[in-house]
Amino acid sequence: MALAEYLLFINDRDPVAFATNPQGAVDPAELKKLEDQLNELDEKFQDLLQKQAAAERAEAQAKESEAQAKDAEAKVC
């Protein structure tokens, strides 16, 4: 027997009421506020990911340019 069943039995409670009992109230205004904050953070995170990708592309391009410059210098010498 499960603990919940035992407690329902010894306290003479209804199992259906136990299973369908609300688990707390969430203020819709507070929920909306938190969702807005989450969306704002997600937008900032996406911007940071784009900036990181751009920085990685710029670094790769700089390394490629450096390699080309070294090759051109080696040909001259």
PDB file of N, CA and C in Angstrom:
ATOM      1  N   MET A   1       0.847  -1.164   0.000  1.00  0.00           N
ATOM      2  CA  MET A   1       0.000   0.000   0.000  1.00  0.00           C
ATOM      3  C   MET A   1       0.907   1.247   0.000  1.00  0.00           C
ATOM      4  N   ALA A   2       0.554   2.211  -0.780  1.00  0.00           N
ATOM      5  CA  ALA A   2       1.324   3.444  -0.867  1.00  0.00           C
ATOM      6  C   ALA A   2       1.038   4.336   0.334  1.00  0.00           C
ATOM      7  N   LEU A   3       1.981   5.184   0.631  1.00  0.00           N
ATOM      8  CA  LEU A   3       1.823   6.098   1.758  1.00  0.00           C
ATOM      9  C   LEU A   3       0.589   6.974   1.575  1.00  0.00           C
ATOM     10  N   ALA A   4       0.385   7.453   0.362  1.00  0.00           N
ATOM     11  CA  ALA A   4      -0.772   8.314   0.111  1.00  0.00           C
ATOM     12  C   ALA A   4      -2.069   7.551   0.376  1.00  0.00           C
ATOM     13  N   GLU A   5      -2.133   6.301  -0.056  1.00  0.00           N
ATOM     14  CA  GLU A   5      -3.337   5.499   0.201  1.00  0.00           C
ATOM     15  C   GLU A   5      -3.554   5.314   1.695  1.00  0.00           C
ATOM     16  N   TYR A   6      -2.508   5.040   2.424  1.00  0.00           N
ATOM     17  CA  TYR A   6      -2.605   4.841   3.862  1.00  0.00           C
ATOM     18  C   TYR A   6      -3.099   6.109   4.551  1.00  0.00           C
ATOM     19  N   LEU A   7      -2.511   7.242   4.192  1.00  0.00           N
ATOM     20  CA  LEU A   7      -2.922   8.499   4.811  1.00  0.00           C
ATOM     21  C   LEU A   7      -4.362   8.856   4.471  1.00  0.00           C
ATOM     22  N   LEU A   8      -4.780   8.572   3.237  1.00  0.00           N
ATOM     23  CA  LEU A   8      -6.170   8.809   2.868  1.00  0.00           C
ATOM     24  C   LEU A   8      -7.095   7.933   3.697  1.00  0.00           C
ATOM     25  N   PHE A   9      -6.717   6.687   3.900  1.00  0.00           N
ATOM     26  CA  PHE A   9      -7.547   5.754   4.650  1.00  0.00           C
ATOM     27  C   PHE A   9      -7.665   6.159   6.116  1.00  0.00           C
ATOM     28  N   ILE A  10      -6.543   6.464   6.760  1.00  0.00           N
ATOM     29  CA  ILE A  10      -6.620   6.746   8.204  1.00  0.00           C
ATOM     30  C   ILE A  10      -7.261   8.097   8.488  1.00  0.00           C
ATOM     31  N   ASN A  11      -7.270   8.996   7.509  1.00  0.00           N
ATOM     32  CA  ASN A  11      -7.897  10.302   7.695  1.00  0.00           C
ATOM     33  C   ASN A  11      -9.269  10.377   7.053  1.00  0.00           C
ATOM     34  N   ASP A  12      -9.729   9.253   6.511  1.00  0.00           N
ATOM     35  CA  ASP A  12     -11.049   9.159   5.884  1.00  0.00           C
ATOM     36  C   ASP A  12     -11.245  10.263   4.831  1.00  0.00           C
ATOM     37  N   ARG A  13     -10.297  10.338   3.915  1.00  0.00           N
ATOM     38  CA  ARG A  13     -10.352  11.339   2.833  1.00  0.00           C
ATOM     39  C   ARG A  13     -10.719  10.681   1.515  1.00  0.00           C
ATOM     40  N   ASP A  14     -11.195  11.496   0.587  1.00  0.00           N
ATOM     41  CA  ASP A  14     -11.610  11.023  -0.733  1.00  0.00           C
ATOM     42  C   ASP A  14     -10.412  10.983  -1.677  1.00  0.00           C
ATOM     43  N   PRO A  15     -10.095   9.823  -2.280  1.00  0.00           N
ATOM     44  CA  PRO A  15      -8.952   9.736  -3.197  1.00  0.00           C
ATOM     45  C   PRO A  15      -9.100  10.621  -4.433  1.00  0.00           C
ATOM     46  N   VAL A  16     -10.314  10.795  -4.934  1.00  0.00           N
ATOM     47  CA  VAL A  16     -10.523  11.643  -6.110  1.00  0.00           C
ATOM     48  C   VAL A  16     -10.212  13.098  -5.766  1.00  0.00           C
ATOM     49  N   ALA A  17     -10.657  13.526  -4.601  1.00  0.00           N
ATOM     50  CA  ALA A  17     -10.350  14.894  -4.175  1.00  0.00           C
ATOM     51  C   ALA A  17      -8.850  15.074  -3.983  1.00  0.00           C
ATOM     52  N   PHE A  18      -8.197  14.031  -3.478  1.00  0.00           N
ATOM     53  CA  PHE A  18      -6.745  14.091  -3.299  1.00  0.00           C
ATOM     54  C   PHE A  18      -6.032  14.241  -4.650  1.00  0.00           C
ATOM     55  N   ALA A  19      -6.475  13.473  -5.641  1.00  0.00           N
ATOM     56  CA  ALA A  19      -5.816  13.492  -6.948  1.00  0.00           C
ATOM     57  C   ALA A  19      -6.107  14.750  -7.744  1.00  0.00           C
ATOM     58  N   THR A  20      -7.248  15.385  -7.480  1.00  0.00           N
ATOM     59  CA  THR A  20      -7.624  16.565  -8.266  1.00  0.00           C
ATOM     60  C   THR A  20      -7.474  17.859  -7.471  1.00  0.00           C
ATOM     61  N   ASN A  21      -6.873  17.786  -6.310  1.00  0.00           N
ATOM     62  CA  ASN A  21      -6.687  18.960  -5.472  1.00  0.00           C
ATOM     63  C   ASN A  21      -5.772  19.967  -6.171  1.00  0.00           C
ATOM     64  N   PRO A  22      -6.147  21.261  -6.206  1.00  0.00           N
ATOM     65  CA  PRO A  22      -5.262  22.248  -6.830  1.00  0.00           C
ATOM     66  C   PRO A  22      -3.937  22.327  -6.084  1.00  0.00           C
ATOM     67  N   GLN A  23      -2.867  22.585  -6.827  1.00  0.00           N
ATOM     68  CA  GLN A  23      -1.533  22.551  -6.262  1.00  0.00           C
ATOM     69  C   GLN A  23      -0.948  23.933  -6.027  1.00  0.00           C
ATOM     70  N   GLY A  24      -1.765  24.896  -5.917  1.00  0.00           N
ATOM     71  CA  GLY A  24      -1.272  26.248  -5.663  1.00  0.00           C
ATOM     72  C   GLY A  24      -1.772  27.195  -6.732  1.00  0.00           C
ATOM     73  N   ALA A  25      -1.867  28.423  -6.378  1.00  0.00           N
ATOM     74  CA  ALA A  25      -2.355  29.427  -7.313  1.00  0.00           C
ATOM     75  C   ALA A  25      -1.182  30.222  -7.860  1.00  0.00           C
ATOM     76  N   VAL A  26      -1.253  30.506  -9.142  1.00  0.00           N
ATOM     77  CA  VAL A  26      -0.247  31.330  -9.796  1.00  0.00           C
ATOM     78  C   VAL A  26      -0.947  32.592 -10.271  1.00  0.00           C
ATOM     79  N   ASP A  27      -0.435  33.710  -9.833  1.00  0.00           N
ATOM     80  CA  ASP A  27      -1.006  34.992 -10.234  1.00  0.00           C
ATOM     81  C   ASP A  27      -0.729  35.201 -11.721  1.00  0.00           C
ATOM     82  N   PRO A  28      -1.770  35.377 -12.537  1.00  0.00           N
ATOM     83  CA  PRO A  28      -1.554  35.556 -13.983  1.00  0.00           C
ATOM     84  C   PRO A  28      -0.666  36.746 -14.313  1.00  0.00           C
ATOM     85  N   ALA A  29      -0.758  37.816 -13.546  1.00  0.00           N
ATOM     86  CA  ALA A  29       0.082  38.993 -13.803  1.00  0.00           C
ATOM     87  C   ALA A  29       1.545  38.659 -13.535  1.00  0.00           C
ATOM     88  N   GLU A  30       1.786  37.923 -12.449  1.00  0.00           N
ATOM     89  CA  GLU A  30       3.160  37.523 -12.109  1.00  0.00           C
ATOM     90  C   GLU A  30       3.700  36.566 -13.163  1.00  0.00           C
ATOM     91  N   LEU A  31       2.856  35.647 -13.616  1.00  0.00           N
ATOM     92  CA  LEU A  31       3.271  34.703 -14.652  1.00  0.00           C
ATOM     93  C   LEU A  31       3.623  35.438 -15.939  1.00  0.00           C
ATOM     94  N   LYS A  32       2.814  36.414 -16.323  1.00  0.00           N
ATOM     95  CA  LYS A  32       3.074  37.204 -17.533  1.00  0.00           C
ATOM     96  C   LYS A  32       4.396  37.964 -17.390  1.00  0.00           C
ATOM     97  N   LYS A  33       4.622  38.531 -16.205  1.00  0.00           N
ATOM     98  CA  LYS A  33       5.865  39.270 -15.953  1.00  0.00           C
ATOM     99  C   LYS A  33       7.073  38.350 -16.115  1.00  0.00           C
ATOM    100  N   LEU A  34       6.991  37.153 -15.543  1.00  0.00           N
ATOM    101  CA  LEU A  34       8.096  36.207 -15.642  1.00  0.00           C
ATOM    102  C   LEU A  34       8.308  35.724 -17.077  1.00  0.00           C
ATOM    103  N   GLU A  35       7.228  35.517 -17.801  1.00  0.00           N
ATOM    104  CA  GLU A  35       7.350  35.119 -19.203  1.00  0.00           C
ATOM    105  C   GLU A  35       8.018  36.215 -20.023  1.00  0.00           C
ATOM    106  N   ASP A  36       7.648  37.476 -19.746  1.00  0.00           N
ATOM    107  CA  ASP A  36       8.275  38.599 -20.452  1.00  0.00           C
ATOM    108  C   ASP A  36       9.773  38.670 -20.149  1.00  0.00           C
ATOM    109  N   GLN A  37      10.133  38.462 -18.883  1.00  0.00           N
ATOM    110  CA  GLN A  37      11.546  38.466 -18.514  1.00  0.00           C
ATOM    111  C   GLN A  37      12.285  37.325 -19.203  1.00  0.00           C
ATOM    112  N   LEU A  38      11.659  36.174 -19.261  1.00  0.00           N
ATOM    113  CA  LEU A  38      12.276  35.031 -19.922  1.00  0.00           C
ATOM    114  C   LEU A  38      12.469  35.301 -21.409  1.00  0.00           C
ATOM    115  N   ASN A  39      11.478  35.901 -22.046  1.00  0.00           N
ATOM    116  CA  ASN A  39      11.600  36.235 -23.467  1.00  0.00           C
ATOM    117  C   ASN A  39      12.708  37.264 -23.702  1.00  0.00           C
ATOM    118  N   GLU A  40      12.813  38.241 -22.806  1.00  0.00           N
ATOM    119  CA  GLU A  40      13.864  39.248 -22.924  1.00  0.00           C
ATOM    120  C   GLU A  40      15.251  38.610 -22.794  1.00  0.00           C
ATOM    121  N   LEU A  41      15.394  37.716 -21.824  1.00  0.00           N
ATOM    122  CA  LEU A  41      16.670  37.021 -21.654  1.00  0.00           C
ATOM    123  C   LEU A  41      16.990  36.143 -22.857  1.00  0.00           C
ATOM    124  N   ASP A  42      15.980  35.522 -23.430  1.00  0.00           N
ATOM    125  CA  ASP A  42      16.199  34.691 -24.604  1.00  0.00           C
ATOM    126  C   ASP A  42      16.668  35.536 -25.783  1.00  0.00           C
ATOM    127  N   GLU A  43      16.077  36.725 -25.952  1.00  0.00           N
ATOM    128  CA  GLU A  43      16.507  37.619 -27.031  1.00  0.00           C
ATOM    129  C   GLU A  43      17.961  38.048 -26.831  1.00  0.00           C
ATOM    130  N   LYS A  44      18.317  38.383 -25.597  1.00  0.00           N
ATOM    131  CA  LYS A  44      19.700  38.777 -25.310  1.00  0.00           C
ATOM    132  C   LYS A  44      20.660  37.623 -25.578  1.00  0.00           C
ATOM    133  N   PHE A  45      20.245  36.416 -25.208  1.00  0.00           N
ATOM    134  CA  PHE A  45      21.077  35.246 -25.446  1.00  0.00           C
ATOM    135  C   PHE A  45      21.277  35.012 -26.934  1.00  0.00           C
ATOM    136  N   GLN A  46      20.217  35.150 -27.720  1.00  0.00           N
ATOM    137  CA  GLN A  46      20.330  34.978 -29.171  1.00  0.00           C
ATOM    138  C   GLN A  46      21.257  36.036 -29.768  1.00  0.00           C
ATOM    139  N   ASP A  47      21.169  37.272 -29.281  1.00  0.00           N
ATOM    140  CA  ASP A  47      22.077  38.334 -29.745  1.00  0.00           C
ATOM    141  C   ASP A  47      23.529  37.984 -29.426  1.00  0.00           C
ATOM    142  N   LEU A  48      23.764  37.466 -28.222  1.00  0.00           N
ATOM    143  CA  LEU A  48      25.126  37.077 -27.852  1.00  0.00           C
ATOM    144  C   LEU A  48      25.636  35.938 -28.724  1.00  0.00           C
ATOM    145  N   LEU A  49      24.774  34.994 -29.042  1.00  0.00           N
ATOM    146  CA  LEU A  49      25.185  33.901 -29.926  1.00  0.00           C
ATOM    147  C   LEU A  49      25.555  34.421 -31.305  1.00  0.00           C
ATOM    148  N   GLN A  50      24.788  35.389 -31.810  1.00  0.00           N
ATOM    149  CA  GLN A  50      25.091  35.972 -33.115  1.00  0.00           C
ATOM    150  C   GLN A  50      26.414  36.734 -33.070  1.00  0.00           C
ATOM    151  N   LYS A  51      26.648  37.474 -31.993  1.00  0.00           N
ATOM    152  CA  LYS A  51      27.907  38.211 -31.870  1.00  0.00           C
ATOM    153  C   LYS A  51      29.087  37.253 -31.766  1.00  0.00           C
ATOM    154  N   GLN A  52      28.904  36.150 -31.049  1.00  0.00           N
ATOM    155  CA  GLN A  52      29.974  35.166 -30.929  1.00  0.00           C
ATOM    156  C   GLN A  52      30.280  34.538 -32.285  1.00  0.00           C
ATOM    157  N   ALA A  53      29.240  34.216 -33.053  1.00  0.00           N
ATOM    158  CA  ALA A  53      29.438  33.636 -34.384  1.00  0.00           C
ATOM    159  C   ALA A  53      30.150  34.632 -35.288  1.00  0.00           C
ATOM    160  N   ALA A  54      29.790  35.904 -35.208  1.00  0.00           N
ATOM    161  CA  ALA A  54      30.442  36.927 -36.021  1.00  0.00           C
ATOM    162  C   ALA A  54      31.908  37.065 -35.627  1.00  0.00           C
ATOM    163  N   ALA A  55      32.196  37.020 -34.340  1.00  0.00           N
ATOM    164  CA  ALA A  55      33.579  37.112 -33.873  1.00  0.00           C
ATOM    165  C   ALA A  55      34.394  35.911 -34.345  1.00  0.00           C
ATOM    166  N   GLU A  56      33.793  34.733 -34.323  1.00  0.00           N
ATOM    167  CA  GLU A  56      34.496  33.539 -34.801  1.00  0.00           C
ATOM    168  C   GLU A  56      34.768  33.625 -36.297  1.00  0.00           C
ATOM    169  N   ARG A  57      33.798  34.150 -37.061  1.00  0.00           N
ATOM    170  CA  ARG A  57      34.013  34.321 -38.513  1.00  0.00           C
ATOM    171  C   ARG A  57      35.128  35.324 -38.768  1.00  0.00           C
ATOM    172  N   ALA A  58      35.136  36.427 -37.997  1.00  0.00           N
ATOM    173  CA  ALA A  58      36.175  37.448 -38.169  1.00  0.00           C
ATOM    174  C   ALA A  58      37.540  36.877 -37.813  1.00  0.00           C
ATOM    175  N   GLU A  59      37.611  36.061 -36.773  1.00  0.00           N
ATOM    176  CA  GLU A  59      38.880  35.447 -36.386  1.00  0.00           C
ATOM    177  C   GLU A  59      39.370  34.486 -37.470  1.00  0.00           C
ATOM    178  N   ALA A  60      38.459  33.698 -38.019  1.00  0.00           N
ATOM    179  CA  ALA A  60      38.834  32.764 -39.081  1.00  0.00           C
ATOM    180  C   ALA A  60      39.318  33.532 -40.315  1.00  0.00           C
ATOM    181  N   GLN A  61      38.651  34.631 -40.626  1.00  0.00           N
ATOM    182  CA  GLN A  61      39.048  35.438 -41.776  1.00  0.00           C
ATOM    183  C   GLN A  61      40.418  36.072 -41.523  1.00  0.00           C
ATOM    184  N   ALA A  62      40.666  36.518 -40.318  1.00  0.00           N
ATOM    185  CA  ALA A  62      41.963  37.115 -39.995  1.00  0.00           C
ATOM    186  C   ALA A  62      43.078  36.081 -40.099  1.00  0.00           C
ATOM    187  N   LYS A  63      42.823  34.861 -39.636  1.00  0.00           N
ATOM    188  CA  LYS A  63      43.825  33.804 -39.745  1.00  0.00           C
ATOM    189  C   LYS A  63      44.088  33.450 -41.202  1.00  0.00           C
ATOM    190  N   GLU A  64      43.031  33.439 -42.004  1.00  0.00           N
ATOM    191  CA  GLU A  64      43.196  33.140 -43.423  1.00  0.00           C
ATOM    192  C   GLU A  64      44.001  34.239 -44.110  1.00  0.00           C
ATOM    193  N   SER A  65      43.694  35.483 -43.772  1.00  0.00           N
ATOM    194  CA  SER A  65      44.448  36.605 -44.354  1.00  0.00           C
ATOM    195  C   SER A  65      45.913  36.552 -43.937  1.00  0.00           C
ATOM    196  N   GLU A  66      46.171  36.192 -42.689  1.00  0.00           N
ATOM    197  CA  GLU A  66      47.540  36.071 -42.210  1.00  0.00           C
ATOM    198  C   GLU A  66      48.280  34.959 -42.957  1.00  0.00           C
ATOM    199  N   ALA A  67      47.602  33.839 -43.169  1.00  0.00           N
ATOM    200  CA  ALA A  67      48.222  32.730 -43.894  1.00  0.00           C
ATOM    201  C   ALA A  67      48.526  33.134 -45.327  1.00  0.00           C
ATOM    202  N   GLN A  68      47.616  33.866 -45.960  1.00  0.00           N
ATOM    203  CA  GLN A  68      47.846  34.321 -47.336  1.00  0.00           C
ATOM    204  C   GLN A  68      49.010  35.302 -47.391  1.00  0.00           C
ATOM    205  N   ALA A  69      49.108  36.170 -46.401  1.00  0.00           N
ATOM    206  CA  ALA A  69      50.207  37.139 -46.355  1.00  0.00           C
ATOM    207  C   ALA A  69      51.537  36.424 -46.174  1.00  0.00           C
ATOM    208  N   LYS A  70      51.576  35.390 -45.329  1.00  0.00           N
ATOM    209  CA  LYS A  70      52.806  34.628 -45.133  1.00  0.00           C
ATOM    210  C   LYS A  70      53.189  33.891 -46.410  1.00  0.00           C
ATOM    211  N   ASP A  71      52.210  33.335 -47.109  1.00  0.00           N
ATOM    212  CA  ASP A  71      52.498  32.658 -48.390  1.00  0.00           C
ATOM    213  C   ASP A  71      53.043  33.633 -49.408  1.00  0.00           C
ATOM    214  N   ALA A  72      52.442  34.830 -49.495  1.00  0.00           N
ATOM    215  CA  ALA A  72      52.906  35.842 -50.444  1.00  0.00           C
ATOM    216  C   ALA A  72      54.317  36.293 -50.077  1.00  0.00           C
ATOM    217  N   GLU A  73      54.612  36.435 -48.815  1.00  0.00           N
ATOM    218  CA  GLU A  73      55.946  36.833 -48.355  1.00  0.00           C
ATOM    219  C   GLU A  73      56.979  35.731 -48.669  1.00  0.00           C
ATOM    220  N   ALA A  74      56.580  34.481 -48.502  1.00  0.00           N
ATOM    221  CA  ALA A  74      57.487  33.376 -48.793  1.00  0.00           C
ATOM    222  C   ALA A  74      57.822  33.317 -50.273  1.00  0.00           C
ATOM    223  N   LYS A  75      56.859  33.644 -51.137  1.00  0.00           N
ATOM    224  CA  LYS A  75      57.101  33.637 -52.570  1.00  0.00           C
ATOM    225  C   LYS A  75      58.057  34.752 -52.989  1.00  0.00           C
ATOM    226  N   VAL A  76      57.975  35.879 -52.306  1.00  0.00           N
ATOM    227  CA  VAL A  76      58.830  37.021 -52.642  1.00  0.00           C
ATOM    228  C   VAL A  76      60.277  36.727 -52.239  1.00  0.00           C
ATOM    229  N   CYS A  77      60.456  36.069 -51.129  1.00  0.00           N
ATOM    230  CA  CYS A  77      61.804  35.813 -50.631  1.00  0.00           C
ATOM    231  C   CYS A  77      62.394  34.683 -51.307  1.00  0.00           C
TER     232      CYS A  77
END
